[in-house]
């Protein structure tokens, strides 16, 4: 789940709507094998979707976060563990029920939280607590990025090399390294990889019980 931060203060509702829809559409197109029920904008500035694994959900959230941030849009996300008890709607992410959905919704409603990466993991409270703390660190780093740092780091996460990025920006490789260093890239990746590793372990643990 996710929602736009401060949407009521957007200079242009039309532009916000365009970028929000574009980010949701891009995620659905990029991850068809990971998404069980497509990311769906439910009302106004909120969306939700059903993803096959916690790790994939976090990856999609981060990609959307960076894409929206490039357009000066803040968005908070909740990666939640749910157990759908009704028929899965594979066309739109609505009209489903099951344990975990209310917990995730409650997290999304905590508007004053320091982190824009939230986690709702019923039955795994200590893991949830630690991931929430790491999410604060990620959010803090991201908020200090310049547009150049954001773009270079986002491209690095997509698998592009420093040479690839330098060619795109028409600068030296040194300039790319300088931007990434200024954006605390190494610290950011340590925290991000810790989140992905923890969620992967939890995915395996849950899968082993099914």
N, C-alpha and C. Protein backbone atom coordinates (compact mmCIF):
# COMPACT_ATOMS: atom_id res chain seq x y z
N UNK A 1 0.84 -1.19 0.00
CA UNK A 1 0.00 0.00 0.00
C UNK A 1 0.88 1.24 0.00
N UNK A 2 0.32 2.33 -0.46
CA UNK A 2 1.06 3.58 -0.43
C UNK A 2 0.15 4.76 -0.64
N UNK A 3 0.64 5.94 -0.27
CA UNK A 3 -0.09 7.16 -0.57
C UNK A 3 0.87 8.33 -0.72
N UNK A 4 0.40 9.35 -1.42
CA UNK A 4 1.19 10.54 -1.65
C UNK A 4 1.20 11.40 -0.39
N UNK A 5 2.37 11.93 -0.06
CA UNK A 5 2.51 12.81 1.10
C UNK A 5 2.23 14.25 0.67
N UNK A 6 1.31 14.90 1.37
CA UNK A 6 1.03 16.31 1.11
C UNK A 6 0.40 16.58 -0.24
N UNK A 7 -0.42 15.65 -0.72
CA UNK A 7 -1.03 15.84 -2.04
C UNK A 7 -1.91 17.08 -2.10
N UNK A 8 -2.48 17.46 -0.96
CA UNK A 8 -3.36 18.63 -0.95
C UNK A 8 -2.59 19.92 -1.19
N UNK A 9 -1.26 19.86 -1.05
CA UNK A 9 -0.44 21.06 -1.27
C UNK A 9 0.21 21.08 -2.66
N UNK A 10 -0.12 20.13 -3.51
CA UNK A 10 0.49 20.04 -4.84
C UNK A 10 0.15 21.28 -5.67
N UNK A 11 1.16 21.88 -6.32
CA UNK A 11 0.90 23.06 -7.15
C UNK A 11 -0.08 22.77 -8.29
N UNK A 12 -0.03 21.53 -8.82
CA UNK A 12 -0.91 21.15 -9.92
C UNK A 12 -1.45 19.75 -9.67
N UNK A 13 -2.75 19.65 -9.44
CA UNK A 13 -3.38 18.35 -9.22
C UNK A 13 -3.26 17.50 -10.49
N UNK A 14 -3.39 18.14 -11.64
CA UNK A 14 -3.32 17.41 -12.90
C UNK A 14 -1.95 16.78 -13.10
N UNK A 15 -0.89 17.54 -12.79
CA UNK A 15 0.47 17.02 -12.95
C UNK A 15 0.74 15.91 -11.95
N UNK A 16 0.29 16.09 -10.71
CA UNK A 16 0.44 15.05 -9.69
C UNK A 16 -0.27 13.78 -10.13
N UNK A 17 -1.48 13.91 -10.61
CA UNK A 17 -2.27 12.77 -11.08
C UNK A 17 -1.55 12.03 -12.20
N UNK A 18 -0.97 12.79 -13.12
CA UNK A 18 -0.25 12.20 -14.26
C UNK A 18 0.94 11.38 -13.78
N UNK A 19 1.77 11.96 -12.93
CA UNK A 19 2.99 11.27 -12.48
C UNK A 19 2.65 10.07 -11.59
N UNK A 20 1.61 10.20 -10.77
CA UNK A 20 1.20 9.11 -9.89
C UNK A 20 0.71 7.92 -10.72
N UNK A 21 -0.13 8.19 -11.69
CA UNK A 21 -0.63 7.12 -12.56
C UNK A 21 0.51 6.49 -13.36
N UNK A 22 1.44 7.32 -13.83
CA UNK A 22 2.58 6.80 -14.61
C UNK A 22 3.44 5.87 -13.77
N UNK A 23 3.65 6.21 -12.50
CA UNK A 23 4.47 5.36 -11.63
C UNK A 23 3.79 4.03 -11.36
N UNK A 24 2.48 4.05 -11.13
CA UNK A 24 1.73 2.82 -10.89
C UNK A 24 1.72 1.96 -12.16
N UNK A 25 1.48 2.57 -13.30
CA UNK A 25 1.45 1.83 -14.57
C UNK A 25 2.82 1.21 -14.87
N UNK A 26 3.88 1.95 -14.63
CA UNK A 26 5.23 1.45 -14.89
C UNK A 26 5.53 0.23 -14.03
N UNK A 27 5.15 0.28 -12.75
CA UNK A 27 5.39 -0.85 -11.86
C UNK A 27 4.65 -2.09 -12.35
N UNK A 28 3.40 -1.91 -12.76
CA UNK A 28 2.62 -3.05 -13.24
C UNK A 28 3.20 -3.65 -14.51
N UNK A 29 3.72 -2.79 -15.40
CA UNK A 29 4.31 -3.29 -16.65
C UNK A 29 5.66 -3.97 -16.40
N UNK A 30 6.43 -3.44 -15.46
CA UNK A 30 7.79 -3.94 -15.23
C UNK A 30 7.80 -5.24 -14.45
N UNK A 31 6.79 -5.49 -13.63
CA UNK A 31 6.81 -6.65 -12.73
C UNK A 31 5.59 -7.56 -12.90
N UNK A 32 5.26 -7.95 -14.11
CA UNK A 32 4.04 -8.77 -14.30
C UNK A 32 4.12 -10.13 -13.62
N UNK A 33 5.32 -10.67 -13.48
CA UNK A 33 5.46 -12.00 -12.88
C UNK A 33 5.48 -11.96 -11.36
N UNK A 34 5.66 -10.78 -10.79
CA UNK A 34 5.72 -10.63 -9.33
C UNK A 34 4.41 -10.15 -8.74
N UNK A 35 3.56 -9.57 -9.57
CA UNK A 35 2.32 -8.96 -9.10
C UNK A 35 1.15 -9.92 -9.29
N UNK A 36 0.48 -10.24 -8.19
CA UNK A 36 -0.67 -11.13 -8.23
C UNK A 36 -1.95 -10.35 -8.55
N UNK A 37 -2.11 -9.23 -7.88
CA UNK A 37 -3.24 -8.33 -8.13
C UNK A 37 -2.65 -6.96 -8.40
N UNK A 38 -2.86 -6.38 -9.58
CA UNK A 38 -2.16 -5.18 -10.00
C UNK A 38 -2.27 -4.02 -9.03
N UNK A 39 -1.19 -3.23 -8.96
CA UNK A 39 -1.26 -2.00 -8.18
C UNK A 39 -2.41 -1.17 -8.72
N UNK A 40 -3.25 -0.72 -7.80
CA UNK A 40 -4.49 -0.04 -8.19
C UNK A 40 -4.66 1.22 -7.37
N UNK A 41 -4.88 2.34 -8.03
CA UNK A 41 -5.19 3.59 -7.31
C UNK A 41 -6.63 3.49 -6.85
N UNK A 42 -6.81 3.53 -5.54
CA UNK A 42 -8.14 3.27 -4.97
C UNK A 42 -9.00 4.53 -4.92
N UNK A 43 -8.43 5.62 -4.44
CA UNK A 43 -9.17 6.88 -4.35
C UNK A 43 -8.18 8.01 -4.11
N UNK A 44 -8.19 8.97 -4.98
CA UNK A 44 -7.33 10.12 -4.77
C UNK A 44 -5.86 9.78 -4.84
N UNK A 45 -5.19 9.83 -3.70
CA UNK A 45 -3.73 9.72 -3.68
C UNK A 45 -3.25 8.40 -3.06
N UNK A 46 -4.08 7.36 -3.04
CA UNK A 46 -3.69 6.09 -2.44
C UNK A 46 -3.70 4.96 -3.48
N UNK A 47 -2.86 3.95 -3.22
CA UNK A 47 -2.88 2.77 -4.09
C UNK A 47 -2.63 1.53 -3.24
N UNK A 48 -2.94 0.37 -3.79
CA UNK A 48 -2.64 -0.89 -3.14
C UNK A 48 -2.49 -1.97 -4.19
N UNK A 49 -1.82 -3.05 -3.82
CA UNK A 49 -1.62 -4.16 -4.73
C UNK A 49 -1.22 -5.40 -3.96
N UNK A 50 -1.30 -6.54 -4.59
CA UNK A 50 -0.95 -7.81 -3.97
C UNK A 50 0.25 -8.38 -4.72
N UNK A 51 1.37 -8.53 -4.00
CA UNK A 51 2.64 -8.95 -4.60
C UNK A 51 2.98 -10.35 -4.10
N UNK A 52 3.71 -11.11 -4.92
CA UNK A 52 3.99 -12.51 -4.61
C UNK A 52 4.94 -12.71 -3.44
N UNK A 53 5.79 -11.72 -3.15
CA UNK A 53 6.74 -11.87 -2.04
C UNK A 53 7.01 -10.52 -1.39
N UNK A 54 7.46 -10.56 -0.15
CA UNK A 54 7.79 -9.33 0.56
C UNK A 54 8.98 -8.62 -0.09
N UNK A 55 9.97 -9.39 -0.52
CA UNK A 55 11.14 -8.80 -1.16
C UNK A 55 10.74 -8.06 -2.44
N UNK A 56 9.92 -8.68 -3.26
CA UNK A 56 9.48 -8.02 -4.50
C UNK A 56 8.67 -6.77 -4.18
N UNK A 57 7.85 -6.83 -3.15
CA UNK A 57 7.05 -5.67 -2.77
C UNK A 57 7.94 -4.50 -2.38
N UNK A 58 9.00 -4.78 -1.63
CA UNK A 58 9.92 -3.72 -1.21
C UNK A 58 10.65 -3.13 -2.42
N UNK A 59 11.05 -3.98 -3.35
CA UNK A 59 11.74 -3.51 -4.55
C UNK A 59 10.84 -2.59 -5.37
N UNK A 60 9.59 -2.99 -5.53
CA UNK A 60 8.64 -2.17 -6.28
C UNK A 60 8.42 -0.84 -5.58
N UNK A 61 8.30 -0.88 -4.26
CA UNK A 61 8.11 0.35 -3.49
C UNK A 61 9.28 1.31 -3.69
N UNK A 62 10.49 0.79 -3.62
CA UNK A 62 11.67 1.66 -3.79
C UNK A 62 11.73 2.26 -5.19
N UNK A 63 11.45 1.45 -6.21
CA UNK A 63 11.46 1.96 -7.58
C UNK A 63 10.43 3.07 -7.76
N UNK A 64 9.24 2.87 -7.21
CA UNK A 64 8.21 3.90 -7.30
C UNK A 64 8.60 5.14 -6.54
N UNK A 65 9.19 4.94 -5.37
CA UNK A 65 9.64 6.07 -4.55
C UNK A 65 10.63 6.94 -5.32
N UNK A 66 11.62 6.33 -5.96
CA UNK A 66 12.62 7.08 -6.70
C UNK A 66 12.03 7.78 -7.92
N UNK A 67 11.13 7.09 -8.63
CA UNK A 67 10.50 7.69 -9.81
C UNK A 67 9.67 8.90 -9.42
N UNK A 68 8.89 8.79 -8.36
CA UNK A 68 8.07 9.90 -7.91
C UNK A 68 8.92 11.03 -7.35
N UNK A 69 9.97 10.68 -6.62
CA UNK A 69 10.85 11.69 -6.04
C UNK A 69 11.52 12.52 -7.13
N UNK A 70 11.82 11.89 -8.27
CA UNK A 70 12.42 12.61 -9.40
C UNK A 70 11.47 13.69 -9.92
N UNK A 71 10.19 13.54 -9.62
CA UNK A 71 9.19 14.54 -10.01
C UNK A 71 8.69 15.34 -8.82
N UNK A 72 9.54 15.38 -7.76
CA UNK A 72 9.26 16.17 -6.55
C UNK A 72 7.99 15.73 -5.85
N UNK A 73 7.72 14.42 -5.86
CA UNK A 73 6.54 13.87 -5.20
C UNK A 73 6.99 12.90 -4.11
N UNK A 74 6.59 13.16 -2.88
CA UNK A 74 6.87 12.24 -1.78
C UNK A 74 5.76 11.20 -1.69
N UNK A 75 6.13 9.95 -1.46
CA UNK A 75 5.13 8.89 -1.31
C UNK A 75 5.57 7.96 -0.20
N UNK A 76 4.66 7.62 0.71
CA UNK A 76 4.97 6.65 1.76
C UNK A 76 4.44 5.28 1.35
N UNK A 77 5.12 4.24 1.81
CA UNK A 77 4.77 2.87 1.41
C UNK A 77 4.66 1.98 2.64
N UNK A 78 3.82 0.98 2.54
CA UNK A 78 3.74 -0.07 3.55
C UNK A 78 3.89 -1.41 2.85
N UNK A 79 4.91 -2.15 3.23
CA UNK A 79 5.08 -3.53 2.77
C UNK A 79 4.49 -4.41 3.86
N UNK A 80 3.40 -5.09 3.56
CA UNK A 80 2.68 -5.83 4.59
C UNK A 80 2.50 -7.29 4.26
N UNK A 81 2.48 -8.10 5.29
CA UNK A 81 2.23 -9.54 5.18
C UNK A 81 0.74 -9.77 5.38
N UNK A 82 0.08 -10.37 4.37
CA UNK A 82 -1.36 -10.59 4.44
C UNK A 82 -1.69 -12.03 4.06
N UNK A 83 -2.84 -12.48 4.52
CA UNK A 83 -3.33 -13.83 4.21
C UNK A 83 -4.73 -13.68 3.63
N UNK A 84 -4.82 -13.64 2.30
CA UNK A 84 -6.10 -13.41 1.64
C UNK A 84 -6.98 -14.66 1.78
N UNK A 85 -8.16 -14.48 2.35
CA UNK A 85 -9.08 -15.59 2.58
C UNK A 85 -10.20 -15.66 1.54
N UNK A 86 -10.33 -14.61 0.74
CA UNK A 86 -11.36 -14.60 -0.29
C UNK A 86 -10.71 -14.85 -1.65
N UNK A 87 -11.53 -14.88 -2.68
CA UNK A 87 -10.98 -15.05 -4.02
C UNK A 87 -10.06 -13.88 -4.36
N UNK A 88 -8.92 -14.20 -5.00
CA UNK A 88 -7.97 -13.16 -5.39
C UNK A 88 -8.47 -12.48 -6.66
N UNK A 89 -8.55 -11.17 -6.60
CA UNK A 89 -8.97 -10.37 -7.75
C UNK A 89 -7.72 -10.06 -8.58
N UNK A 90 -7.58 -10.71 -9.73
CA UNK A 90 -6.39 -10.54 -10.55
C UNK A 90 -6.50 -9.38 -11.54
N UNK A 91 -7.63 -8.68 -11.50
CA UNK A 91 -7.83 -7.54 -12.39
C UNK A 91 -7.55 -6.22 -11.68
N UNK A 92 -8.01 -6.10 -10.43
CA UNK A 92 -7.83 -4.89 -9.64
C UNK A 92 -7.63 -5.27 -8.17
N UNK A 93 -6.84 -4.50 -7.46
CA UNK A 93 -6.55 -4.83 -6.06
C UNK A 93 -7.63 -4.26 -5.14
N UNK A 94 -8.82 -4.82 -5.22
CA UNK A 94 -9.88 -4.47 -4.29
C UNK A 94 -10.84 -5.64 -4.14
N UNK A 95 -11.79 -5.50 -3.21
CA UNK A 95 -12.79 -6.53 -2.93
C UNK A 95 -12.14 -7.85 -2.53
N UNK A 96 -11.13 -7.76 -1.64
CA UNK A 96 -10.49 -8.95 -1.05
C UNK A 96 -10.42 -8.73 0.45
N UNK A 97 -10.42 -9.83 1.20
CA UNK A 97 -10.37 -9.74 2.66
C UNK A 97 -9.43 -10.80 3.21
N UNK A 98 -8.84 -10.49 4.37
CA UNK A 98 -7.98 -11.45 5.03
C UNK A 98 -7.12 -10.79 6.10
N UNK A 99 -6.60 -11.58 7.04
CA UNK A 99 -5.75 -11.05 8.11
C UNK A 99 -4.53 -10.33 7.55
N UNK A 100 -4.21 -9.22 8.15
CA UNK A 100 -3.03 -8.44 7.76
C UNK A 100 -3.38 -7.16 7.03
N UNK A 101 -4.50 -7.14 6.33
CA UNK A 101 -4.87 -5.95 5.57
C UNK A 101 -5.14 -4.76 6.48
N UNK A 102 -5.84 -5.00 7.58
CA UNK A 102 -6.15 -3.90 8.51
C UNK A 102 -4.87 -3.38 9.17
N UNK A 103 -3.92 -4.28 9.46
CA UNK A 103 -2.65 -3.85 10.07
C UNK A 103 -1.89 -2.93 9.12
N UNK A 104 -1.83 -3.33 7.84
CA UNK A 104 -1.13 -2.51 6.85
C UNK A 104 -1.82 -1.17 6.68
N UNK A 105 -3.13 -1.17 6.65
CA UNK A 105 -3.88 0.07 6.51
C UNK A 105 -3.64 1.00 7.69
N UNK A 106 -3.54 0.42 8.88
CA UNK A 106 -3.28 1.22 10.07
C UNK A 106 -1.90 1.89 9.98
N UNK A 107 -0.90 1.13 9.50
CA UNK A 107 0.43 1.70 9.33
C UNK A 107 0.40 2.86 8.33
N UNK A 108 -0.32 2.68 7.25
CA UNK A 108 -0.39 3.73 6.24
C UNK A 108 -1.02 4.99 6.80
N UNK A 109 -1.90 4.83 7.78
CA UNK A 109 -2.58 5.97 8.37
C UNK A 109 -1.76 6.75 9.37
N UNK A 110 -0.58 6.26 9.71
CA UNK A 110 0.29 6.95 10.67
C UNK A 110 1.07 8.04 9.94
N UNK A 111 0.44 9.17 9.73
CA UNK A 111 0.98 10.22 8.87
C UNK A 111 2.23 10.90 9.43
N UNK A 112 2.46 10.84 10.74
CA UNK A 112 3.59 11.55 11.33
C UNK A 112 4.83 10.68 11.48
N UNK A 113 4.80 9.48 10.96
CA UNK A 113 5.96 8.58 11.08
C UNK A 113 7.16 9.16 10.36
N UNK A 114 8.37 8.91 10.90
CA UNK A 114 9.60 9.45 10.33
C UNK A 114 9.99 8.75 9.03
N UNK A 115 9.56 7.52 8.85
CA UNK A 115 9.97 6.75 7.69
C UNK A 115 8.90 6.72 6.61
N UNK A 116 9.35 6.74 5.36
CA UNK A 116 8.43 6.56 4.24
C UNK A 116 8.42 5.11 3.77
N UNK A 117 9.24 4.26 4.42
CA UNK A 117 9.24 2.82 4.17
C UNK A 117 8.74 2.15 5.45
N UNK A 118 7.48 1.72 5.43
CA UNK A 118 6.88 1.10 6.61
C UNK A 118 6.69 -0.39 6.37
N UNK A 119 6.62 -1.15 7.47
CA UNK A 119 6.49 -2.60 7.37
C UNK A 119 5.44 -3.08 8.36
N UNK A 120 4.57 -3.96 7.88
CA UNK A 120 3.53 -4.54 8.70
C UNK A 120 3.65 -6.06 8.61
N UNK A 121 4.18 -6.67 9.67
CA UNK A 121 4.49 -8.10 9.65
C UNK A 121 3.88 -8.79 10.87
N UNK A 122 2.57 -9.03 10.87
CA UNK A 122 1.93 -9.71 11.99
C UNK A 122 2.61 -11.04 12.30
N UNK A 123 2.90 -11.26 13.58
CA UNK A 123 3.57 -12.49 13.99
C UNK A 123 5.08 -12.40 13.93
N UNK A 124 5.60 -11.26 13.46
CA UNK A 124 7.06 -11.07 13.35
C UNK A 124 7.39 -9.66 13.83
N UNK A 125 7.00 -9.36 15.05
CA UNK A 125 7.07 -7.98 15.53
C UNK A 125 8.49 -7.45 15.68
N UNK A 126 9.44 -8.29 16.12
CA UNK A 126 10.81 -7.81 16.28
C UNK A 126 11.43 -7.52 14.92
N UNK A 127 11.16 -8.37 13.94
CA UNK A 127 11.64 -8.11 12.59
C UNK A 127 11.03 -6.83 12.05
N UNK A 128 9.74 -6.65 12.28
CA UNK A 128 9.05 -5.44 11.86
C UNK A 128 9.70 -4.20 12.49
N UNK A 129 10.01 -4.28 13.77
CA UNK A 129 10.60 -3.15 14.49
C UNK A 129 11.96 -2.77 13.91
N UNK A 130 12.78 -3.77 13.63
CA UNK A 130 14.11 -3.51 13.07
C UNK A 130 14.03 -2.94 11.66
N UNK A 131 13.14 -3.49 10.83
CA UNK A 131 12.98 -2.98 9.48
C UNK A 131 12.46 -1.55 9.48
N UNK A 132 11.57 -1.24 10.40
CA UNK A 132 11.07 0.13 10.50
C UNK A 132 12.21 1.09 10.83
N UNK A 133 13.12 0.67 11.69
CA UNK A 133 14.27 1.52 12.06
C UNK A 133 15.18 1.75 10.86
N UNK A 134 15.43 0.69 10.08
CA UNK A 134 16.26 0.83 8.88
C UNK A 134 15.56 1.74 7.87
N UNK A 135 14.25 1.64 7.79
CA UNK A 135 13.49 2.50 6.88
C UNK A 135 13.66 3.97 7.20
N UNK A 136 13.80 4.30 8.48
CA UNK A 136 14.06 5.69 8.87
C UNK A 136 15.39 6.16 8.29
N UNK A 137 16.40 5.28 8.36
CA UNK A 137 17.71 5.63 7.82
C UNK A 137 17.67 5.86 6.31
N UNK A 138 16.97 4.99 5.59
CA UNK A 138 16.84 5.16 4.14
C UNK A 138 16.15 6.47 3.79
N UNK A 139 15.07 6.75 4.50
CA UNK A 139 14.31 7.98 4.24
C UNK A 139 15.16 9.21 4.50
N UNK A 140 15.94 9.17 5.58
CA UNK A 140 16.79 10.30 5.93
C UNK A 140 17.83 10.58 4.85
N UNK A 141 18.44 9.52 4.32
CA UNK A 141 19.43 9.69 3.25
C UNK A 141 18.76 10.23 1.99
N UNK A 142 17.64 9.65 1.61
CA UNK A 142 16.96 10.07 0.39
C UNK A 142 16.57 11.54 0.43
N UNK A 143 16.19 12.02 1.60
CA UNK A 143 15.75 13.41 1.72
C UNK A 143 16.90 14.40 1.54
N UNK A 144 18.12 13.93 1.62
CA UNK A 144 19.28 14.80 1.43
C UNK A 144 19.82 14.77 0.01
N UNK A 145 19.28 13.91 -0.83
CA UNK A 145 19.79 13.79 -2.19
C UNK A 145 19.46 15.02 -3.04
N UNK A 146 20.41 15.39 -3.90
CA UNK A 146 20.11 16.31 -4.99
C UNK A 146 19.48 15.49 -6.11
N UNK A 147 18.97 16.18 -7.12
CA UNK A 147 18.38 15.47 -8.25
C UNK A 147 19.44 14.61 -8.96
N UNK A 148 20.66 15.14 -9.07
CA UNK A 148 21.73 14.38 -9.72
C UNK A 148 22.06 13.12 -8.94
N UNK A 149 22.17 13.24 -7.62
CA UNK A 149 22.45 12.07 -6.78
C UNK A 149 21.33 11.05 -6.88
N UNK A 150 20.10 11.51 -6.85
CA UNK A 150 18.95 10.61 -6.98
C UNK A 150 19.01 9.85 -8.30
N UNK A 151 19.22 10.57 -9.38
CA UNK A 151 19.22 9.93 -10.70
C UNK A 151 20.36 8.92 -10.84
N UNK A 152 21.55 9.30 -10.37
CA UNK A 152 22.70 8.40 -10.49
C UNK A 152 22.52 7.15 -9.64
N UNK A 153 22.00 7.31 -8.44
CA UNK A 153 21.80 6.16 -7.56
C UNK A 153 20.67 5.27 -8.08
N UNK A 154 19.60 5.88 -8.56
CA UNK A 154 18.50 5.09 -9.13
C UNK A 154 18.99 4.28 -10.33
N UNK A 155 19.80 4.88 -11.16
CA UNK A 155 20.34 4.14 -12.31
C UNK A 155 21.28 3.02 -11.87
N UNK A 156 22.05 3.27 -10.83
CA UNK A 156 22.93 2.21 -10.31
C UNK A 156 22.11 1.03 -9.82
N UNK A 157 21.00 1.31 -9.16
CA UNK A 157 20.13 0.24 -8.67
C UNK A 157 19.47 -0.53 -9.82
N UNK A 158 19.36 0.11 -10.96
CA UNK A 158 18.82 -0.56 -12.14
C UNK A 158 19.87 -1.41 -12.85
N UNK A 159 21.11 -1.36 -12.35
CA UNK A 159 22.16 -2.19 -12.92
C UNK A 159 23.12 -1.47 -13.86
N UNK A 160 22.97 -0.17 -13.99
CA UNK A 160 23.87 0.58 -14.86
C UNK A 160 25.21 0.84 -14.17
N UNK A 161 26.29 0.74 -14.94
CA UNK A 161 27.62 0.99 -14.41
C UNK A 161 27.89 2.49 -14.36
N UNK A 162 28.97 2.85 -13.67
CA UNK A 162 29.35 4.26 -13.61
C UNK A 162 29.64 4.80 -15.01
N UNK A 163 30.23 3.97 -15.84
CA UNK A 163 30.52 4.38 -17.23
C UNK A 163 29.23 4.61 -18.01
N UNK A 164 28.23 3.74 -17.79
CA UNK A 164 26.93 3.91 -18.45
C UNK A 164 26.30 5.24 -18.05
N UNK A 165 26.33 5.51 -16.75
CA UNK A 165 25.70 6.73 -16.23
C UNK A 165 26.44 7.96 -16.73
N UNK A 166 27.78 7.88 -16.77
CA UNK A 166 28.58 9.01 -17.25
C UNK A 166 28.23 9.34 -18.70
N UNK A 167 28.01 8.30 -19.48
CA UNK A 167 27.66 8.50 -20.89
C UNK A 167 26.29 9.15 -21.01
N UNK A 168 25.34 8.73 -20.20
CA UNK A 168 24.00 9.32 -20.22
C UNK A 168 24.06 10.80 -19.86
N UNK A 169 24.88 11.13 -18.85
CA UNK A 169 24.95 12.52 -18.38
C UNK A 169 25.98 13.36 -19.13
N UNK A 170 26.79 12.68 -19.96
CA UNK A 170 27.85 13.38 -20.69
C UNK A 170 28.84 14.04 -19.73
N UNK A 171 29.27 13.26 -18.72
CA UNK A 171 30.25 13.72 -17.75
C UNK A 171 31.31 12.64 -17.58
N UNK A 172 32.30 12.88 -16.74
CA UNK A 172 33.32 11.88 -16.47
C UNK A 172 32.80 10.85 -15.48
N UNK A 173 33.44 9.69 -15.48
CA UNK A 173 33.10 8.65 -14.50
C UNK A 173 33.36 9.16 -13.09
N UNK A 174 34.40 9.97 -12.94
CA UNK A 174 34.70 10.56 -11.63
C UNK A 174 33.53 11.38 -11.10
N UNK A 175 32.87 12.11 -12.00
CA UNK A 175 31.72 12.91 -11.57
C UNK A 175 30.59 12.04 -11.04
N UNK A 176 30.42 10.88 -11.65
CA UNK A 176 29.38 9.94 -11.19
C UNK A 176 29.74 9.41 -9.80
N UNK A 177 30.99 9.00 -9.63
CA UNK A 177 31.41 8.50 -8.32
C UNK A 177 31.27 9.59 -7.26
N UNK A 178 31.58 10.82 -7.63
CA UNK A 178 31.47 11.93 -6.69
C UNK A 178 30.02 12.14 -6.26
N UNK A 179 29.11 12.06 -7.22
CA UNK A 179 27.68 12.22 -6.90
C UNK A 179 27.19 11.10 -5.99
N UNK A 180 27.61 9.88 -6.29
CA UNK A 180 27.17 8.75 -5.47
C UNK A 180 27.76 8.81 -4.07
N UNK A 181 29.02 9.24 -3.97
CA UNK A 181 29.63 9.38 -2.64
C UNK A 181 28.92 10.46 -1.84
N UNK A 182 28.62 11.59 -2.48
CA UNK A 182 27.90 12.66 -1.81
C UNK A 182 26.50 12.23 -1.38
N UNK A 183 25.93 11.28 -2.12
CA UNK A 183 24.60 10.77 -1.78
C UNK A 183 24.62 9.60 -0.82
N UNK A 184 25.78 9.33 -0.21
CA UNK A 184 25.94 8.25 0.78
C UNK A 184 25.51 6.90 0.22
N UNK A 185 25.93 6.65 -1.01
CA UNK A 185 25.49 5.45 -1.71
C UNK A 185 25.85 4.17 -0.97
N UNK A 186 27.08 4.06 -0.48
CA UNK A 186 27.49 2.82 0.20
C UNK A 186 26.66 2.56 1.45
N UNK A 187 26.45 3.59 2.26
CA UNK A 187 25.63 3.44 3.46
C UNK A 187 24.19 3.08 3.10
N UNK A 188 23.70 3.73 2.06
CA UNK A 188 22.33 3.46 1.61
C UNK A 188 22.18 2.00 1.20
N UNK A 189 23.16 1.49 0.44
CA UNK A 189 23.06 0.12 -0.06
C UNK A 189 23.21 -0.90 1.06
N UNK A 190 24.03 -0.61 2.06
CA UNK A 190 24.14 -1.52 3.21
C UNK A 190 22.77 -1.68 3.87
N UNK A 191 22.09 -0.56 4.08
CA UNK A 191 20.77 -0.60 4.72
C UNK A 191 19.73 -1.27 3.81
N UNK A 192 19.77 -0.92 2.53
CA UNK A 192 18.79 -1.49 1.62
C UNK A 192 18.97 -3.00 1.47
N UNK A 193 20.21 -3.45 1.34
CA UNK A 193 20.47 -4.89 1.22
C UNK A 193 20.09 -5.64 2.49
N UNK A 194 20.22 -4.98 3.63
CA UNK A 194 19.79 -5.61 4.89
C UNK A 194 18.28 -5.85 4.87
N UNK A 195 17.54 -4.88 4.36
CA UNK A 195 16.08 -5.04 4.24
C UNK A 195 15.75 -6.19 3.30
N UNK A 196 16.39 -6.21 2.12
CA UNK A 196 16.09 -7.26 1.14
C UNK A 196 16.45 -8.65 1.68
N UNK A 197 17.59 -8.77 2.35
CA UNK A 197 18.01 -10.07 2.89
C UNK A 197 17.04 -10.55 3.97
N UNK A 198 16.61 -9.63 4.83
CA UNK A 198 15.67 -9.99 5.89
C UNK A 198 14.33 -10.43 5.32
N UNK A 199 13.85 -9.70 4.33
CA UNK A 199 12.57 -10.06 3.71
C UNK A 199 12.67 -11.37 2.93
N UNK A 200 13.80 -11.62 2.31
CA UNK A 200 14.00 -12.89 1.60
C UNK A 200 13.95 -14.06 2.57
N UNK A 201 14.60 -13.91 3.71
CA UNK A 201 14.56 -14.97 4.74
C UNK A 201 13.14 -15.19 5.22
N UNK A 202 12.41 -14.12 5.41
CA UNK A 202 11.02 -14.25 5.88
C UNK A 202 10.16 -14.90 4.80
N UNK A 203 10.40 -14.54 3.53
CA UNK A 203 9.67 -15.19 2.43
C UNK A 203 9.91 -16.71 2.44
N UNK A 204 11.16 -17.11 2.63
CA UNK A 204 11.49 -18.54 2.67
C UNK A 204 10.85 -19.22 3.87
N UNK A 205 10.87 -18.55 5.00
CA UNK A 205 10.26 -19.14 6.21
C UNK A 205 8.77 -19.35 6.02
N UNK A 206 8.11 -18.35 5.47
CA UNK A 206 6.67 -18.46 5.25
C UNK A 206 6.37 -19.51 4.18
N UNK A 207 7.17 -19.53 3.12
CA UNK A 207 6.97 -20.51 2.06
C UNK A 207 7.14 -21.93 2.53
N UNK A 208 8.06 -22.15 3.47
CA UNK A 208 8.31 -23.49 3.99
C UNK A 208 7.13 -24.01 4.81
N UNK A 209 6.32 -23.08 5.32
CA UNK A 209 5.17 -23.50 6.14
C UNK A 209 3.93 -23.75 5.31
N UNK A 210 3.93 -23.29 4.06
CA UNK A 210 2.74 -23.42 3.22
C UNK A 210 2.61 -24.81 2.63
